[in-house]
N, C-alpha and C. Protein backbone atom coordinates (compact mmCIF):
# COMPACT_ATOMS: atom_id res chain seq x y z
N MET A 1 0.86 -1.17 0.00
CA MET A 1 0.00 0.00 0.00
C MET A 1 0.90 1.24 0.00
N ASN A 2 0.51 2.25 -0.73
CA ASN A 2 1.21 3.53 -0.71
C ASN A 2 0.47 4.49 0.22
N ILE A 3 1.24 5.19 1.04
CA ILE A 3 0.68 6.10 2.03
C ILE A 3 1.26 7.50 1.78
N LEU A 4 0.38 8.47 1.58
CA LEU A 4 0.78 9.86 1.43
C LEU A 4 0.49 10.58 2.74
N LEU A 5 1.53 11.03 3.41
CA LEU A 5 1.38 11.72 4.69
C LEU A 5 1.09 13.19 4.47
N ASP A 6 0.20 13.74 5.29
CA ASP A 6 0.06 15.19 5.28
C ASP A 6 1.08 15.75 6.26
N THR A 7 1.21 17.05 6.28
CA THR A 7 2.25 17.70 7.08
C THR A 7 2.12 17.37 8.56
N HIS A 8 0.92 17.46 9.12
CA HIS A 8 0.74 17.19 10.54
C HIS A 8 1.09 15.75 10.88
N ALA A 9 0.64 14.82 10.07
CA ALA A 9 0.95 13.41 10.34
C ALA A 9 2.45 13.18 10.31
N PHE A 10 3.13 13.75 9.35
CA PHE A 10 4.59 13.61 9.26
C PHE A 10 5.26 14.15 10.52
N LEU A 11 4.88 15.35 10.93
CA LEU A 11 5.51 15.95 12.12
C LEU A 11 5.18 15.17 13.38
N TRP A 12 3.94 14.70 13.51
CA TRP A 12 3.57 13.91 14.68
C TRP A 12 4.32 12.58 14.70
N LEU A 13 4.47 11.95 13.56
CA LEU A 13 5.21 10.68 13.52
C LEU A 13 6.64 10.88 13.98
N ARG A 14 7.23 12.01 13.66
CA ARG A 14 8.62 12.28 14.03
C ARG A 14 8.75 12.80 15.46
N ASN A 15 7.78 13.60 15.91
CA ASN A 15 7.94 14.32 17.19
C ASN A 15 6.96 13.92 18.29
N ALA A 16 5.82 13.37 17.94
CA ALA A 16 4.79 13.04 18.93
C ALA A 16 3.99 11.83 18.48
N PRO A 17 4.65 10.67 18.32
CA PRO A 17 3.94 9.49 17.79
C PRO A 17 2.77 9.04 18.65
N GLU A 18 2.71 9.48 19.89
CA GLU A 18 1.58 9.11 20.76
C GLU A 18 0.26 9.72 20.25
N LYS A 19 0.34 10.71 19.38
CA LYS A 19 -0.87 11.33 18.82
C LYS A 19 -1.43 10.51 17.65
N ILE A 20 -0.69 9.53 17.19
CA ILE A 20 -1.08 8.74 16.02
C ILE A 20 -1.73 7.44 16.47
N PRO A 21 -2.88 7.08 15.92
CA PRO A 21 -3.53 5.80 16.28
C PRO A 21 -2.62 4.60 15.95
N GLU A 22 -2.73 3.56 16.76
CA GLU A 22 -1.90 2.36 16.59
C GLU A 22 -1.99 1.77 15.19
N GLN A 23 -3.18 1.75 14.62
CA GLN A 23 -3.38 1.19 13.28
C GLN A 23 -2.56 1.97 12.24
N VAL A 24 -2.52 3.27 12.40
CA VAL A 24 -1.76 4.11 11.47
C VAL A 24 -0.26 3.89 11.68
N LEU A 25 0.17 3.80 12.92
CA LEU A 25 1.58 3.51 13.20
C LEU A 25 2.00 2.18 12.60
N ALA A 26 1.15 1.18 12.72
CA ALA A 26 1.46 -0.13 12.17
C ALA A 26 1.64 -0.04 10.65
N ALA A 27 0.78 0.71 9.99
CA ALA A 27 0.90 0.88 8.54
C ALA A 27 2.17 1.65 8.19
N TYR A 28 2.51 2.64 8.99
CA TYR A 28 3.71 3.44 8.76
C TYR A 28 4.98 2.60 8.88
N TYR A 29 5.04 1.74 9.89
CA TYR A 29 6.24 0.93 10.12
C TYR A 29 6.28 -0.36 9.31
N ASP A 30 5.22 -0.67 8.59
CA ASP A 30 5.20 -1.88 7.75
C ASP A 30 6.11 -1.65 6.54
N ILE A 31 7.17 -2.46 6.43
CA ILE A 31 8.16 -2.26 5.36
C ILE A 31 7.59 -2.53 3.97
N ASN A 32 6.42 -3.15 3.89
CA ASN A 32 5.78 -3.40 2.61
C ASN A 32 5.03 -2.19 2.06
N ASN A 33 4.88 -1.17 2.88
CA ASN A 33 4.17 0.04 2.48
C ASN A 33 5.15 1.11 2.00
N GLY A 34 4.76 1.84 0.99
CA GLY A 34 5.55 2.98 0.55
C GLY A 34 5.04 4.23 1.25
N ILE A 35 5.96 5.01 1.82
CA ILE A 35 5.59 6.22 2.55
C ILE A 35 6.04 7.42 1.72
N PHE A 36 5.12 8.34 1.48
CA PHE A 36 5.41 9.51 0.66
C PHE A 36 5.02 10.77 1.39
N LEU A 37 5.76 11.83 1.10
CA LEU A 37 5.46 13.16 1.63
C LEU A 37 5.42 14.11 0.45
N SER A 38 4.36 14.88 0.34
CA SER A 38 4.19 15.80 -0.77
C SER A 38 5.22 16.93 -0.71
N VAL A 39 5.62 17.38 -1.87
CA VAL A 39 6.49 18.56 -1.95
C VAL A 39 5.81 19.74 -1.30
N VAL A 40 4.50 19.79 -1.37
CA VAL A 40 3.74 20.88 -0.74
C VAL A 40 3.96 20.88 0.77
N SER A 41 4.10 19.71 1.37
CA SER A 41 4.37 19.64 2.81
C SER A 41 5.74 20.24 3.14
N ILE A 42 6.73 19.96 2.30
CA ILE A 42 8.06 20.55 2.50
C ILE A 42 7.96 22.07 2.41
N TRP A 43 7.23 22.55 1.42
CA TRP A 43 7.03 23.98 1.24
C TRP A 43 6.33 24.58 2.46
N GLU A 44 5.28 23.91 2.94
CA GLU A 44 4.54 24.39 4.11
C GLU A 44 5.44 24.47 5.35
N MET A 45 6.26 23.46 5.56
CA MET A 45 7.16 23.47 6.72
C MET A 45 8.19 24.59 6.60
N GLN A 46 8.68 24.85 5.40
CA GLN A 46 9.63 25.93 5.20
C GLN A 46 9.00 27.28 5.50
N ILE A 47 7.77 27.49 5.06
CA ILE A 47 7.06 28.74 5.35
C ILE A 47 6.89 28.91 6.86
N LYS A 48 6.45 27.86 7.54
CA LYS A 48 6.27 27.94 9.00
C LYS A 48 7.59 28.22 9.70
N HIS A 49 8.66 27.61 9.22
CA HIS A 49 9.98 27.84 9.81
C HIS A 49 10.40 29.30 9.62
N GLN A 50 10.20 29.82 8.42
CA GLN A 50 10.55 31.22 8.15
C GLN A 50 9.71 32.17 9.00
N GLU A 51 8.42 31.86 9.16
CA GLU A 51 7.56 32.71 9.99
C GLU A 51 8.04 32.72 11.43
N SER A 52 8.39 31.56 11.96
CA SER A 52 8.85 31.50 13.35
C SER A 52 10.21 32.17 13.51
N SER A 53 11.08 32.06 12.51
CA SER A 53 12.38 32.73 12.56
C SER A 53 12.20 34.24 12.53
N THR A 54 11.28 34.72 11.69
CA THR A 54 11.01 36.15 11.59
C THR A 54 10.43 36.65 12.90
N LEU A 55 9.51 35.91 13.48
CA LEU A 55 8.92 36.30 14.76
C LEU A 55 10.00 36.35 15.84
N HIS A 56 10.85 35.33 15.88
CA HIS A 56 11.94 35.30 16.87
C HIS A 56 12.85 36.52 16.67
N TYR A 57 13.17 36.83 15.43
CA TYR A 57 14.03 37.99 15.14
C TYR A 57 13.40 39.28 15.66
N ARG A 58 12.07 39.43 15.43
CA ARG A 58 11.38 40.63 15.88
C ARG A 58 11.35 40.73 17.41
N LEU A 59 11.20 39.58 18.08
CA LEU A 59 11.13 39.59 19.54
C LEU A 59 12.50 39.86 20.17
N VAL A 60 13.55 39.40 19.53
CA VAL A 60 14.89 39.53 20.09
C VAL A 60 15.51 40.89 19.76
N HIS A 61 15.22 41.43 18.58
CA HIS A 61 15.89 42.66 18.14
C HIS A 61 15.01 43.86 18.30
C-alpha cells in the first residue's frame, strides 16, 4: 500500500507518535508500504519555519 502523509501526520510521527492511532503507526512501520510526503508539505514546513524565525528575530531585536 502507498501512504501519502500530510504535514501534521509527518511531524507527529517524528515528534509526537503518541498522537497517532496504533493502526496508522502499524501501517507506517510496515516495510511493505511505501511512505510519501508531498512537496507541498516541505514547502509548508519551510514557510512555517521562516515565519517562526522572523517572529523570533522581531522579539529579540
